[in-house]
Structure formats: structure tokens, C-alpha cells
Amino acid sequence: MKKGTYKIKAATSSTSGYPHLLQRSNPPKHLLMRRRIIIAGFGGQGILFLGRFLAEIANEKGYNITWLPSYGPEMRGGTANCSVIISNREIPSPVIDKANILICFNQPSFNKFYPETKKNALVVIDSSLVKTNKKVVKIDATETAEKLGDKKVANMVIGGYVLRELGLYSKYISKKVLMEIGLEKDMLKLNLKVLGIKLFL
């Protein structure tokens, strides 16, 4: 991440060292947007990873971003979540009141966060693990990931869909971000496979 082109508006996390809030001096103006995204599920499902991945992609595309992960003892086996804001305007705070995009990987998270979303929000669920009669986008992410080789990439199954919905999908940038995050080679190849990208383009 090229920090020299940003004004750092918030301290970095002592746990991860990743900037939570990056403001560009000249973000892109071709698309007015402020996407407030909440991603939630069980600890161990790659919730924070997906949030960081989406934020990094948007950053590479030139948007202001925030990434606010939930740290705590409840993460492993409990409900973990993170908030991501993507905007071409200045972001005054990384805290999300009502999300206009909600991504849920388990039932407790859906039950908790769905009532807090904006009207007409894009709500995407892993329908392998979440059941509802509400009007949402249902993706069999865990089942699909298992067929591809490892249920750990269920997060990327939904991540790829959300990137395309936001108009942020790019094979080159997705590959660049995943390589910079530093995944082990097997997991890197599998994540790229989910996104339809070969390791060596």
C-alpha cells in the first residue's frame, strides 16, 4: 500500500499494523459512492480477511476506505465481524450506523445485523449456513468452496460476487492484493481459482 499518497486520519492497529482509515487527496469522481459494508460470521471463516481484501481492492482503485475489524476473545467460534467503508468522499468515521451492504456467513450474525441494515440494502448470505425468507442474495458459498477444494475459501466465493456488484472486480488488482497479503501458495492458488484467475497470467 503506497502510504505516501494518502493522509492518515487514524492510528494503525497495534495488532495488525494495518491502517484503519486512509483518505486520498484526489479520489476518483466517475462514480459517486459511499458503501457501508458489514461482514459477519464465525471466527475462523475469514471474516476479517474478506473485509481487508475488499478494502485493499477499493484502495487500489483509488477510493477512500476504512476497515474496522472486531478483535476480542469472542472471535474464535463466536460471532466475528468487521466494517468496511468505501467512498470517493472524505470518511469522517469508520463506525457504521446502518449498513447498505451486509454479508453474513452464519445464522447468529444474520439475526443480529439484518435488522440494522438500510432499506433496500444489498444483503448476501451463505445459504449453506443461513436460512431466511427475507429478500436477500443467497449463495451456497460453503458448499461451492468445498467442491473447489476447501471450505475456507467460502469467503472469497461471496467476495467475488460483491466485487462485481460494486464494479471493483479486476483480475490484476485482485491477484496483486492477494499476493501482497502473503497467503501460502496453496491458499493463494485456491483463492485465485475462486475469483477465476490463474496464478501465472
Protein backbone atom coordinates (compact mmCIF):
# COMPACT_ATOMS: atom_id res chain seq x y z
CA MET A 1 0.00 0.00 0.00
CA LYS A 2 1.52 3.32 -1.07
CA LYS A 3 1.10 5.38 2.07
CA GLY A 4 2.76 8.42 0.56
CA THR A 5 -0.34 9.24 -1.48
CA TYR A 6 -2.70 9.35 1.48
CA LYS A 7 -3.42 11.42 4.55
CA ILE A 8 -3.52 9.04 7.50
CA LYS A 9 -6.57 10.01 9.53
CA ALA A 10 -6.47 7.33 12.20
CA ALA A 11 -3.86 5.39 14.12
CA THR A 12 -2.80 1.98 12.87
CA SER A 13 -3.87 -1.09 14.78
CA SER A 14 -1.33 -2.29 17.31
CA THR A 15 -2.45 -5.82 16.49
CA SER A 16 -2.19 -5.84 12.71
CA GLY A 17 -0.37 -2.66 11.77
CA TYR A 18 -2.94 -2.07 9.03
CA PRO A 19 -4.24 1.49 8.60
CA HIS A 20 -7.91 1.63 9.54
CA LEU A 21 -8.64 4.85 7.70
CA LEU A 22 -6.99 6.10 4.51
CA GLN A 23 -8.05 9.29 2.78
CA ARG A 24 -6.95 10.10 -0.74
CA SER A 25 -6.39 13.71 -1.70
CA ASN A 26 -7.93 13.07 -5.16
CA PRO A 27 -10.24 10.04 -5.13
CA PRO A 28 -11.99 9.05 -8.39
CA LYS A 29 -15.05 11.11 -9.28
CA HIS A 30 -16.51 8.93 -12.01
CA LEU A 31 -18.74 7.09 -9.54
CA LEU A 32 -20.31 8.79 -6.55
CA MET A 33 -20.47 6.14 -3.89
CA ARG A 34 -20.33 5.51 -0.20
CA ARG A 35 -20.69 1.84 0.55
CA ARG A 36 -21.04 0.89 4.20
CA ILE A 37 -20.32 -2.83 4.46
CA ILE A 38 -20.68 -5.14 7.44
CA ILE A 39 -19.26 -8.64 7.15
CA ALA A 40 -20.07 -11.12 9.90
CA GLY A 41 -19.82 -14.79 10.74
CA PHE A 42 -17.96 -17.21 12.98
CA GLY A 43 -14.34 -16.66 13.92
CA GLY A 44 -12.23 -18.77 11.58
CA GLN A 45 -14.38 -18.16 8.49
CA GLY A 46 -12.07 -15.48 7.11
CA ILE A 47 -14.37 -12.59 8.00
CA LEU A 48 -11.63 -10.08 8.75
CA PHE A 49 -9.62 -11.30 5.77
CA LEU A 50 -12.51 -10.65 3.40
CA GLY A 51 -13.03 -7.18 4.85
CA ARG A 52 -9.37 -6.32 4.42
CA PHE A 53 -9.37 -7.75 0.89
CA LEU A 54 -12.35 -5.63 -0.20
CA ALA A 55 -10.83 -2.54 1.40
CA GLU A 56 -7.47 -3.12 -0.30
CA ILE A 57 -9.13 -3.59 -3.69
CA ALA A 58 -11.05 -0.32 -3.31
CA ASN A 59 -7.86 1.39 -2.15
CA GLU A 60 -6.03 0.21 -5.27
CA LYS A 61 -8.94 1.55 -7.34
CA GLY A 62 -8.43 4.98 -5.75
CA TYR A 63 -11.20 5.21 -3.17
CA ASN A 64 -11.06 6.36 0.43
CA ILE A 65 -11.51 3.35 2.65
CA THR A 66 -11.89 2.29 6.25
CA TRP A 67 -11.51 -1.21 7.65
CA LEU A 68 -12.58 -1.69 11.25
CA PRO A 69 -12.11 -5.28 12.48
CA SER A 70 -13.62 -6.76 15.60
CA TYR A 71 -10.92 -8.05 17.91
CA GLY A 72 -11.67 -9.99 21.04
CA PRO A 73 -11.91 -13.39 22.72
CA GLU A 74 -15.31 -13.99 21.18
CA MET A 75 -13.88 -14.28 17.67
CA ARG A 76 -12.87 -17.94 17.56
CA GLY A 77 -16.10 -19.90 17.45
CA GLY A 78 -18.18 -16.85 18.30
CA THR A 79 -19.51 -14.03 16.15
CA ALA A 80 -16.73 -12.09 14.43
CA ASN A 81 -17.37 -9.06 12.28
CA CYS A 82 -15.74 -6.13 10.55
CA SER A 83 -16.88 -2.91 8.94
CA VAL A 84 -15.66 -1.52 5.64
CA ILE A 85 -16.50 1.87 4.16
CA ILE A 86 -15.67 2.70 0.54
CA SER A 87 -16.16 6.25 -0.63
CA ASN A 88 -14.88 8.90 -3.03
CA ARG A 89 -15.63 11.50 -0.37
CA GLU A 90 -13.91 12.01 2.96
CA ILE A 91 -14.94 9.45 5.57
CA PRO A 92 -15.45 11.16 8.94
CA SER A 93 -15.62 7.95 10.96
CA PRO A 94 -15.07 4.21 10.41
CA VAL A 95 -18.13 3.39 12.53
CA ILE A 96 -21.19 2.19 10.60
CA ASP A 97 -24.65 3.02 11.91
CA LYS A 98 -26.69 1.26 9.23
CA ALA A 99 -25.04 -0.82 6.51
CA ASN A 100 -26.11 -0.65 2.88
CA ILE A 101 -24.27 -3.93 2.23
CA LEU A 102 -24.45 -6.86 4.64
CA ILE A 103 -22.57 -10.14 4.18
CA CYS A 104 -23.40 -12.95 6.60
CA PHE A 105 -21.80 -16.36 6.99
CA ASN A 106 -23.83 -17.70 9.91
CA GLN A 107 -27.30 -17.51 11.39
CA PRO A 108 -26.47 -15.60 14.60
CA SER A 109 -24.79 -12.85 12.56
CA PHE A 110 -27.74 -12.55 10.20
CA ASN A 111 -30.17 -12.38 13.12
CA LYS A 112 -28.07 -9.68 14.76
CA PHE A 113 -27.20 -7.42 11.84
CA TYR A 114 -30.09 -7.74 9.38
CA PRO A 115 -32.43 -5.52 11.42
CA GLU A 116 -29.72 -2.82 11.40
CA THR A 117 -29.35 -2.55 7.61
CA LYS A 118 -30.69 0.27 5.47
CA LYS A 119 -33.86 -0.22 3.47
CA ASN A 120 -33.06 -1.75 0.07
CA ALA A 121 -29.60 -2.78 1.27
CA LEU A 122 -27.73 -5.48 -0.61
CA VAL A 123 -27.78 -8.46 1.73
CA VAL A 124 -25.72 -11.51 0.77
CA ILE A 125 -25.80 -14.73 2.77
CA ASP A 126 -24.02 -18.06 2.71
CA SER A 127 -27.18 -20.07 2.16
CA SER A 128 -25.31 -23.23 3.14
CA LEU A 129 -25.38 -21.90 6.72
CA VAL A 130 -28.02 -19.15 6.86
CA LYS A 131 -31.75 -19.67 6.36
CA THR A 132 -34.24 -16.87 5.82
CA ASN A 133 -37.36 -15.95 3.88
CA LYS A 134 -36.20 -12.34 3.57
CA LYS A 135 -35.34 -10.84 0.19
CA VAL A 136 -31.59 -11.48 0.07
CA VAL A 137 -28.96 -12.79 -2.32
CA LYS A 138 -28.39 -16.46 -1.49
CA ILE A 139 -25.08 -18.05 -2.42
CA ASP A 140 -24.14 -21.61 -1.45
CA ALA A 141 -20.68 -20.39 -0.57
CA THR A 142 -19.53 -23.14 1.79
CA GLU A 143 -20.84 -25.92 -0.46
CA THR A 144 -19.25 -24.29 -3.52
CA ALA A 145 -15.94 -23.82 -1.70
CA GLU A 146 -15.88 -27.48 -0.63
CA LYS A 147 -16.39 -28.54 -4.25
CA LEU A 148 -13.48 -26.30 -5.26
CA GLY A 149 -11.23 -27.88 -2.65
CA ASP A 150 -11.55 -26.17 0.74
CA LYS A 151 -14.44 -24.59 2.61
CA LYS A 152 -12.02 -21.92 3.87
CA VAL A 153 -12.49 -20.05 0.59
CA ALA A 154 -16.25 -19.64 1.09
CA ASN A 155 -15.48 -16.04 1.99
CA MET A 156 -13.94 -15.45 -1.43
CA VAL A 157 -16.89 -17.08 -3.21
CA ILE A 158 -19.07 -14.29 -1.85
CA GLY A 159 -16.26 -11.74 -2.07
CA GLY A 160 -16.02 -12.21 -5.82
CA TYR A 161 -19.75 -11.62 -6.20
CA VAL A 162 -19.62 -8.43 -4.11
CA LEU A 163 -16.63 -7.08 -6.04
CA ARG A 164 -18.55 -7.47 -9.28
CA GLU A 165 -21.67 -5.85 -7.80
CA LEU A 166 -19.59 -2.85 -6.73
CA GLY A 167 -17.86 -2.62 -10.10
CA LEU A 168 -14.48 -3.19 -8.43
CA TYR A 169 -13.56 -6.55 -9.90
CA SER A 170 -10.15 -6.68 -11.58
CA LYS A 171 -8.09 -9.80 -12.16
CA TYR A 172 -4.84 -7.87 -11.99
CA ILE A 173 -5.67 -5.94 -8.80
CA SER A 174 -7.22 -8.96 -7.07
CA LYS A 175 -4.12 -11.01 -7.75
CA LYS A 176 -1.84 -8.17 -6.64
CA VAL A 177 -3.70 -7.69 -3.35
CA LEU A 178 -3.83 -11.41 -2.53
CA MET A 179 -0.11 -11.77 -3.23
CA GLU A 180 0.71 -8.75 -1.07
CA ILE A 181 -1.38 -10.09 1.82
CA GLY A 182 1.02 -13.04 1.87
CA LEU A 183 -1.09 -16.20 1.65
CA GLU A 184 0.62 -19.56 1.48
CA LYS A 185 0.96 -20.70 -2.14
CA ASP A 186 -1.75 -23.38 -1.99
CA MET A 187 -4.28 -20.99 -0.46
CA LEU A 188 -3.25 -18.26 -2.87
CA LYS A 189 -3.88 -20.55 -5.82
CA LEU A 190 -7.25 -21.61 -4.41
CA ASN A 191 -8.39 -18.03 -3.73
CA LEU A 192 -7.38 -17.03 -7.23
CA LYS A 193 -9.19 -20.05 -8.64
CA VAL A 194 -12.39 -18.93 -6.91
CA LEU A 195 -12.01 -15.50 -8.50
CA GLY A 196 -11.35 -17.01 -11.93
CA ILE A 197 -7.68 -16.02 -12.01
CA LYS A 198 -4.65 -18.14 -12.85
CA LEU A 199 -1.61 -17.82 -10.61
CA PHE A 200 0.61 -17.06 -13.60
CA LEU A 201 -1.24 -14.79 -16.03
